[in-house]
Amino acid sequence: MTTVNRNNRAAKKYLQKVRRSLTCPRKLKKRMLDGLRSDIDTYLEEHPNASPADLTERFGEPAALSESYLSALDAGELAKAVHAAKRTRWVIVVVSILVLLGFIVTFYIMILENRQSQVAVRVYTVTDNGIVEQSEDGAK
């Protein structure tokens, strides 16, 4: 945002409402909001004390503005962006599943190794005749 927008609450609130009402991939949303910020900056240079109502009157209701922007997009461009977003989500899901499986396999291997490397216990029996050592499994 430019310095004009940073100091104008009305512009911030208006842009926030538009951002919330836009239901499109992040790249397209950013492109639309950057253009709108530029237009708002120009308007605020001429009307520095503009209220939210002034912005709504000048640019339209945030939901209607978002809808008109989305309807003006090329169908191919929107489909391409949606497809890229879906692909990104699938990659994230697959990678998350692989990481989880990696943790499970690692944990299972650790349990198996722990069972195999248990400490051997020697049992000694003390009798009147002296010390008799038993084997590791407790047999004489």
N, C-alpha and C. Protein backbone atom coordinates (compact mmCIF):
# COMPACT_ATOMS: atom_id res chain seq x y z
N MET A 1 0.84 -1.18 0.00
CA MET A 1 0.00 0.00 0.00
C MET A 1 0.88 1.24 0.00
N THR A 2 0.36 2.29 -0.55
CA THR A 2 1.09 3.54 -0.53
C THR A 2 0.81 4.27 0.77
N THR A 3 1.49 5.39 0.97
CA THR A 3 1.33 6.12 2.22
C THR A 3 -0.08 6.66 2.40
N VAL A 4 -0.75 6.96 1.34
CA VAL A 4 -2.12 7.47 1.46
C VAL A 4 -3.02 6.40 2.07
N ASN A 5 -2.91 5.17 1.57
CA ASN A 5 -3.74 4.09 2.09
C ASN A 5 -3.43 3.74 3.53
N ARG A 6 -2.17 3.80 3.92
CA ARG A 6 -1.79 3.45 5.28
C ARG A 6 -2.42 4.38 6.30
N ASN A 7 -2.67 5.60 5.91
CA ASN A 7 -3.21 6.59 6.84
C ASN A 7 -4.72 6.73 6.74
N ASN A 8 -5.36 6.02 5.87
CA ASN A 8 -6.79 6.16 5.68
C ASN A 8 -7.51 4.87 6.08
N ARG A 9 -8.21 4.92 7.22
CA ARG A 9 -8.92 3.74 7.71
C ARG A 9 -10.02 3.29 6.77
N ALA A 10 -10.67 4.24 6.16
CA ALA A 10 -11.77 3.90 5.25
C ALA A 10 -11.25 3.03 4.10
N ALA A 11 -10.09 3.40 3.56
CA ALA A 11 -9.51 2.63 2.46
C ALA A 11 -9.13 1.23 2.92
N LYS A 12 -8.55 1.13 4.11
CA LYS A 12 -8.17 -0.18 4.64
C LYS A 12 -9.39 -1.09 4.79
N LYS A 13 -10.45 -0.54 5.39
CA LYS A 13 -11.65 -1.34 5.60
C LYS A 13 -12.29 -1.75 4.28
N TYR A 14 -12.33 -0.82 3.34
CA TYR A 14 -12.92 -1.12 2.05
C TYR A 14 -12.14 -2.23 1.35
N LEU A 15 -10.81 -2.11 1.32
CA LEU A 15 -9.98 -3.13 0.68
C LEU A 15 -10.12 -4.49 1.38
N GLN A 16 -10.26 -4.46 2.70
CA GLN A 16 -10.43 -5.69 3.45
C GLN A 16 -11.75 -6.39 3.08
N LYS A 17 -12.81 -5.60 2.93
CA LYS A 17 -14.10 -6.17 2.53
C LYS A 17 -14.02 -6.77 1.13
N VAL A 18 -13.34 -6.08 0.23
CA VAL A 18 -13.19 -6.59 -1.14
C VAL A 18 -12.37 -7.89 -1.11
N ARG A 19 -11.28 -7.90 -0.34
CA ARG A 19 -10.42 -9.08 -0.24
C ARG A 19 -11.22 -10.29 0.26
N ARG A 20 -12.06 -10.07 1.25
CA ARG A 20 -12.86 -11.18 1.81
C ARG A 20 -13.89 -11.70 0.82
N SER A 21 -14.41 -10.82 0.00
CA SER A 21 -15.46 -11.25 -0.91
C SER A 21 -14.91 -11.88 -2.19
N LEU A 22 -13.63 -11.74 -2.45
CA LEU A 22 -13.03 -12.35 -3.64
C LEU A 22 -12.79 -13.84 -3.40
N THR A 23 -13.36 -14.66 -4.23
CA THR A 23 -13.18 -16.10 -4.11
C THR A 23 -12.44 -16.60 -5.35
N CYS A 24 -11.17 -16.29 -5.39
CA CYS A 24 -10.35 -16.72 -6.51
C CYS A 24 -8.95 -17.03 -5.97
N PRO A 25 -8.13 -17.68 -6.78
CA PRO A 25 -6.77 -17.98 -6.34
C PRO A 25 -6.00 -16.71 -5.96
N ARG A 26 -5.02 -16.91 -5.11
CA ARG A 26 -4.25 -15.82 -4.51
C ARG A 26 -3.63 -14.87 -5.54
N LYS A 27 -3.06 -15.43 -6.61
CA LYS A 27 -2.41 -14.58 -7.62
C LYS A 27 -3.40 -13.60 -8.25
N LEU A 28 -4.57 -14.12 -8.63
CA LEU A 28 -5.57 -13.26 -9.24
C LEU A 28 -6.10 -12.23 -8.24
N LYS A 29 -6.27 -12.67 -6.99
CA LYS A 29 -6.76 -11.76 -5.95
C LYS A 29 -5.76 -10.62 -5.74
N LYS A 30 -4.47 -10.96 -5.71
CA LYS A 30 -3.44 -9.94 -5.51
C LYS A 30 -3.43 -8.95 -6.67
N ARG A 31 -3.54 -9.47 -7.88
CA ARG A 31 -3.53 -8.59 -9.06
C ARG A 31 -4.72 -7.63 -9.02
N MET A 32 -5.89 -8.14 -8.66
CA MET A 32 -7.08 -7.30 -8.60
C MET A 32 -6.94 -6.24 -7.51
N LEU A 33 -6.47 -6.66 -6.33
CA LEU A 33 -6.35 -5.73 -5.21
C LEU A 33 -5.28 -4.67 -5.46
N ASP A 34 -4.19 -5.04 -6.14
CA ASP A 34 -3.16 -4.05 -6.47
C ASP A 34 -3.72 -2.96 -7.38
N GLY A 35 -4.51 -3.37 -8.37
CA GLY A 35 -5.13 -2.38 -9.26
C GLY A 35 -6.12 -1.50 -8.51
N LEU A 36 -6.89 -2.11 -7.62
CA LEU A 36 -7.86 -1.34 -6.84
C LEU A 36 -7.15 -0.36 -5.90
N ARG A 37 -6.05 -0.80 -5.27
CA ARG A 37 -5.29 0.09 -4.39
C ARG A 37 -4.81 1.32 -5.15
N SER A 38 -4.33 1.08 -6.35
CA SER A 38 -3.86 2.19 -7.18
C SER A 38 -5.00 3.18 -7.46
N ASP A 39 -6.17 2.63 -7.80
CA ASP A 39 -7.33 3.50 -8.07
C ASP A 39 -7.76 4.25 -6.81
N ILE A 40 -7.75 3.58 -5.68
CA ILE A 40 -8.13 4.22 -4.42
C ILE A 40 -7.13 5.31 -4.06
N ASP A 41 -5.84 5.03 -4.26
CA ASP A 41 -4.81 6.04 -3.98
C ASP A 41 -5.06 7.31 -4.79
N THR A 42 -5.36 7.12 -6.07
CA THR A 42 -5.63 8.27 -6.93
C THR A 42 -6.84 9.04 -6.41
N TYR A 43 -7.89 8.31 -6.03
CA TYR A 43 -9.10 8.95 -5.51
C TYR A 43 -8.80 9.68 -4.20
N LEU A 44 -7.99 9.07 -3.32
CA LEU A 44 -7.70 9.68 -2.02
C LEU A 44 -6.79 10.89 -2.13
N GLU A 45 -6.01 10.97 -3.19
CA GLU A 45 -5.20 12.17 -3.39
C GLU A 45 -6.09 13.38 -3.63
N GLU A 46 -7.21 13.15 -4.31
CA GLU A 46 -8.16 14.23 -4.58
C GLU A 46 -9.15 14.42 -3.43
N HIS A 47 -9.43 13.34 -2.67
CA HIS A 47 -10.38 13.38 -1.56
C HIS A 47 -9.75 12.74 -0.33
N PRO A 48 -8.81 13.40 0.33
CA PRO A 48 -8.05 12.79 1.43
C PRO A 48 -8.91 12.39 2.65
N ASN A 49 -10.05 13.01 2.83
CA ASN A 49 -10.89 12.69 3.99
C ASN A 49 -12.10 11.84 3.59
N ALA A 50 -11.92 11.00 2.60
CA ALA A 50 -13.03 10.18 2.12
C ALA A 50 -13.46 9.19 3.19
N SER A 51 -14.75 9.01 3.28
CA SER A 51 -15.32 8.07 4.25
C SER A 51 -15.57 6.73 3.56
N PRO A 52 -15.90 5.69 4.35
CA PRO A 52 -16.24 4.41 3.71
C PRO A 52 -17.41 4.54 2.74
N ALA A 53 -18.36 5.38 3.08
CA ALA A 53 -19.51 5.59 2.19
C ALA A 53 -19.06 6.23 0.88
N ASP A 54 -18.11 7.16 0.95
CA ASP A 54 -17.59 7.80 -0.26
C ASP A 54 -16.91 6.77 -1.17
N LEU A 55 -16.13 5.89 -0.55
CA LEU A 55 -15.45 4.85 -1.34
C LEU A 55 -16.45 3.89 -1.97
N THR A 56 -17.47 3.54 -1.20
CA THR A 56 -18.50 2.63 -1.72
C THR A 56 -19.26 3.29 -2.86
N GLU A 57 -19.53 4.58 -2.70
CA GLU A 57 -20.23 5.31 -3.76
C GLU A 57 -19.38 5.39 -5.02
N ARG A 58 -18.08 5.61 -4.85
CA ARG A 58 -17.18 5.77 -5.99
C ARG A 58 -16.88 4.43 -6.69
N PHE A 59 -16.59 3.37 -5.89
CA PHE A 59 -16.15 2.10 -6.46
C PHE A 59 -17.22 1.01 -6.45
N GLY A 60 -18.26 1.19 -5.68
CA GLY A 60 -19.32 0.18 -5.61
C GLY A 60 -19.19 -0.67 -4.35
N GLU A 61 -20.23 -1.45 -4.10
CA GLU A 61 -20.21 -2.37 -2.95
C GLU A 61 -19.08 -3.38 -3.15
N PRO A 62 -18.36 -3.72 -2.07
CA PRO A 62 -17.24 -4.66 -2.21
C PRO A 62 -17.64 -5.99 -2.86
N ALA A 63 -18.76 -6.56 -2.47
CA ALA A 63 -19.18 -7.83 -3.04
C ALA A 63 -19.49 -7.69 -4.53
N ALA A 64 -20.15 -6.61 -4.91
CA ALA A 64 -20.48 -6.38 -6.32
C ALA A 64 -19.21 -6.14 -7.14
N LEU A 65 -18.27 -5.41 -6.55
CA LEU A 65 -17.00 -5.14 -7.23
C LEU A 65 -16.25 -6.45 -7.47
N SER A 66 -16.21 -7.31 -6.45
CA SER A 66 -15.54 -8.61 -6.59
C SER A 66 -16.21 -9.45 -7.67
N GLU A 67 -17.52 -9.46 -7.65
CA GLU A 67 -18.27 -10.24 -8.63
C GLU A 67 -18.00 -9.74 -10.05
N SER A 68 -17.97 -8.43 -10.23
CA SER A 68 -17.73 -7.90 -11.56
C SER A 68 -16.30 -8.20 -12.03
N TYR A 69 -15.36 -8.17 -11.10
CA TYR A 69 -13.98 -8.51 -11.47
C TYR A 69 -13.89 -9.97 -11.91
N LEU A 70 -14.50 -10.86 -11.14
CA LEU A 70 -14.44 -12.28 -11.47
C LEU A 70 -15.15 -12.59 -12.78
N SER A 71 -16.26 -11.89 -13.05
CA SER A 71 -16.98 -12.14 -14.30
C SER A 71 -16.22 -11.59 -15.51
N ALA A 72 -15.35 -10.61 -15.27
CA ALA A 72 -14.57 -10.03 -16.37
C ALA A 72 -13.33 -10.87 -16.71
N LEU A 73 -12.98 -11.80 -15.83
CA LEU A 73 -11.80 -12.61 -16.09
C LEU A 73 -12.03 -13.55 -17.26
N ASP A 74 -10.97 -13.83 -17.95
CA ASP A 74 -10.99 -14.81 -19.03
C ASP A 74 -11.24 -16.18 -18.41
N ALA A 75 -12.17 -16.93 -18.96
CA ALA A 75 -12.52 -18.25 -18.40
C ALA A 75 -11.32 -19.18 -18.38
N GLY A 76 -10.49 -19.12 -19.39
CA GLY A 76 -9.29 -19.96 -19.45
C GLY A 76 -8.31 -19.61 -18.36
N GLU A 77 -8.15 -18.32 -18.12
CA GLU A 77 -7.22 -17.87 -17.09
C GLU A 77 -7.69 -18.30 -15.70
N LEU A 78 -8.98 -18.15 -15.46
CA LEU A 78 -9.54 -18.55 -14.17
C LEU A 78 -9.43 -20.07 -13.99
N ALA A 79 -9.74 -20.82 -15.03
CA ALA A 79 -9.65 -22.28 -14.95
C ALA A 79 -8.21 -22.72 -14.71
N LYS A 80 -7.27 -22.06 -15.35
CA LYS A 80 -5.86 -22.39 -15.17
C LYS A 80 -5.42 -22.12 -13.73
N ALA A 81 -5.85 -20.99 -13.18
CA ALA A 81 -5.49 -20.64 -11.81
C ALA A 81 -6.12 -21.61 -10.82
N VAL A 82 -7.37 -21.98 -11.05
CA VAL A 82 -8.05 -22.94 -10.16
C VAL A 82 -7.36 -24.30 -10.24
N HIS A 83 -7.00 -24.71 -11.45
CA HIS A 83 -6.31 -26.00 -11.61
C HIS A 83 -4.97 -25.99 -10.88
N ALA A 84 -4.23 -24.89 -10.98
CA ALA A 84 -2.95 -24.79 -10.29
C ALA A 84 -3.14 -24.85 -8.78
N ALA A 85 -4.19 -24.22 -8.29
CA ALA A 85 -4.47 -24.25 -6.84
C ALA A 85 -4.81 -25.66 -6.39
N LYS A 86 -5.61 -26.37 -7.18
CA LYS A 86 -5.96 -27.76 -6.84
C LYS A 86 -4.72 -28.65 -6.85
N ARG A 87 -3.87 -28.46 -7.85
CA ARG A 87 -2.65 -29.25 -7.95
C ARG A 87 -1.76 -29.00 -6.74
N THR A 88 -1.66 -27.75 -6.32
CA THR A 88 -0.85 -27.41 -5.15
C THR A 88 -1.41 -28.08 -3.91
N ARG A 89 -2.73 -28.07 -3.74
CA ARG A 89 -3.34 -28.74 -2.59
C ARG A 89 -3.04 -30.23 -2.59
N TRP A 90 -3.15 -30.87 -3.76
CA TRP A 90 -2.88 -32.30 -3.84
C TRP A 90 -1.43 -32.61 -3.49
N VAL A 91 -0.52 -31.78 -3.97
CA VAL A 91 0.90 -31.99 -3.64
C VAL A 91 1.11 -31.89 -2.14
N ILE A 92 0.48 -30.92 -1.51
CA ILE A 92 0.62 -30.76 -0.07
C ILE A 92 0.05 -31.97 0.66
N VAL A 93 -1.10 -32.46 0.22
CA VAL A 93 -1.71 -33.63 0.86
C VAL A 93 -0.81 -34.86 0.70
N VAL A 94 -0.31 -35.10 -0.50
CA VAL A 94 0.53 -36.27 -0.75
C VAL A 94 1.82 -36.19 0.06
N VAL A 95 2.45 -35.04 0.07
CA VAL A 95 3.69 -34.88 0.86
C VAL A 95 3.42 -35.08 2.34
N SER A 96 2.31 -34.56 2.83
CA SER A 96 1.96 -34.75 4.25
C SER A 96 1.76 -36.23 4.58
N ILE A 97 1.08 -36.95 3.70
CA ILE A 97 0.86 -38.37 3.91
C ILE A 97 2.20 -39.12 3.91
N LEU A 98 3.08 -38.78 2.98
CA LEU A 98 4.39 -39.44 2.92
C LEU A 98 5.21 -39.17 4.17
N VAL A 99 5.18 -37.95 4.66
CA VAL A 99 5.90 -37.61 5.88
C VAL A 99 5.33 -38.39 7.06
N LEU A 100 4.01 -38.46 7.15
CA LEU A 100 3.37 -39.21 8.23
C LEU A 100 3.75 -40.70 8.15
N LEU A 101 3.73 -41.27 6.97
CA LEU A 101 4.14 -42.66 6.80
C LEU A 101 5.61 -42.85 7.19
N GLY A 102 6.43 -41.90 6.84
CA GLY A 102 7.84 -41.96 7.23
C GLY A 102 8.01 -42.00 8.75
N PHE A 103 7.25 -41.16 9.46
CA PHE A 103 7.31 -41.17 10.92
C PHE A 103 6.83 -42.51 11.47
N ILE A 104 5.75 -43.04 10.92
CA ILE A 104 5.21 -44.32 11.40
C ILE A 104 6.22 -45.44 11.18
N VAL A 105 6.82 -45.51 10.00
CA VAL A 105 7.80 -46.55 9.71
C VAL A 105 9.02 -46.41 10.63
N THR A 106 9.49 -45.19 10.80
CA THR A 106 10.64 -44.94 11.69
C THR A 106 10.31 -45.38 13.11
N PHE A 107 9.16 -45.05 13.60
CA PHE A 107 8.75 -45.43 14.95
C PHE A 107 8.66 -46.94 15.09
N TYR A 108 8.11 -47.61 14.08
CA TYR A 108 8.00 -49.06 14.10
C TYR A 108 9.39 -49.71 14.11
N ILE A 109 10.29 -49.21 13.30
CA ILE A 109 11.67 -49.74 13.26
C ILE A 109 12.34 -49.55 14.61
N MET A 110 12.14 -48.41 15.23
CA MET A 110 12.73 -48.15 16.55
C MET A 110 12.20 -49.15 17.57
N ILE A 111 10.92 -49.47 17.52
CA ILE A 111 10.34 -50.44 18.45
C ILE A 111 10.95 -51.82 18.21
N LEU A 112 11.08 -52.22 16.95
CA LEU A 112 11.67 -53.53 16.64
C LEU A 112 13.12 -53.61 17.10
N GLU A 113 13.89 -52.57 16.86
CA GLU A 113 15.29 -52.55 17.29
C GLU A 113 15.38 -52.59 18.81
N ASN A 114 14.47 -51.92 19.48
CA ASN A 114 14.47 -51.91 20.94
C ASN A 114 14.21 -53.31 21.49
N ARG A 115 13.31 -54.06 20.85
CA ARG A 115 13.01 -55.43 21.30
C ARG A 115 14.23 -56.33 21.11
N GLN A 116 14.94 -56.14 20.02
CA GLN A 116 16.08 -56.99 19.71
C GLN A 116 17.29 -56.67 20.57
N SER A 117 17.39 -55.45 21.01
CA SER A 117 18.59 -55.06 21.76
C SER A 117 18.31 -54.89 23.25
N GLN A 118 17.44 -55.73 23.78
CA GLN A 118 17.17 -55.64 25.21
C GLN A 118 18.40 -56.13 25.97
N VAL A 119 18.60 -55.59 27.14
CA VAL A 119 19.76 -55.89 27.94
C VAL A 119 19.65 -57.32 28.48
N ALA A 120 20.74 -58.07 28.34
CA ALA A 120 20.77 -59.43 28.87
C ALA A 120 20.97 -59.35 30.39
N VAL A 121 20.27 -60.20 31.09
CA VAL A 121 20.35 -60.20 32.55
C VAL A 121 20.99 -61.51 33.00
N ARG A 122 22.02 -61.41 33.79
CA ARG A 122 22.65 -62.61 34.36
C ARG A 122 22.13 -62.77 35.79
N VAL A 123 21.73 -63.96 36.06
CA VAL A 123 21.19 -64.25 37.37
C VAL A 123 22.22 -65.07 38.14
N TYR A 124 22.56 -64.60 39.33
CA TYR A 124 23.50 -65.32 40.21
C TYR A 124 22.73 -65.88 41.40
N THR A 125 23.05 -67.10 41.72
CA THR A 125 22.43 -67.72 42.88
C THR A 125 23.52 -67.96 43.93
N VAL A 126 23.28 -67.53 45.11
CA VAL A 126 24.24 -67.70 46.20
C VAL A 126 23.76 -68.87 47.06
N THR A 127 24.64 -69.84 47.20
CA THR A 127 24.33 -71.00 48.05
C THR A 127 25.39 -71.11 49.14
N ASP A 128 25.22 -72.08 50.03
CA ASP A 128 26.21 -72.29 51.08
C ASP A 128 27.55 -72.72 50.50
N ASN A 129 27.54 -73.38 49.37
CA ASN A 129 28.77 -73.88 48.75
C ASN A 129 29.49 -72.82 47.93
N GLY A 130 28.88 -71.66 47.67
CA GLY A 130 29.51 -70.62 46.87
C GLY A 130 28.52 -70.01 45.88
N ILE A 131 29.06 -69.28 44.94
CA ILE A 131 28.23 -68.61 43.96
C ILE A 131 28.12 -69.48 42.71
N VAL A 132 26.93 -69.71 42.27
CA VAL A 132 26.68 -70.48 41.06
C VAL A 132 26.10 -69.52 40.03
N GLU A 133 26.74 -69.42 38.90
CA GLU A 133 26.26 -68.49 37.86
C GLU A 133 25.28 -69.23 36.97
N GLN A 134 24.17 -68.61 36.74
CA GLN A 134 23.19 -69.17 35.82
C GLN A 134 23.34 -68.47 34.48
N SER A 135 22.78 -69.05 33.47
CA SER A 135 22.86 -68.47 32.13
C SER A 135 21.94 -67.25 32.04
N GLU A 136 21.99 -66.61 30.91
CA GLU A 136 21.24 -65.38 30.70
C GLU A 136 19.74 -65.59 30.75
N ASP A 137 19.27 -66.76 30.39
CA ASP A 137 17.83 -66.98 30.40
C ASP A 137 17.35 -67.52 31.75
N GLY A 138 18.23 -67.63 32.70
CA GLY A 138 17.85 -68.05 34.04
C GLY A 138 18.01 -69.55 34.29
N ALA A 139 18.43 -70.36 33.29
CA ALA A 139 18.61 -71.80 33.48
C ALA A 139 19.97 -72.09 34.05
N LYS A 140 20.11 -73.19 34.82
CA LYS A 140 21.40 -73.56 35.41
C LYS A 140 22.28 -74.29 34.42
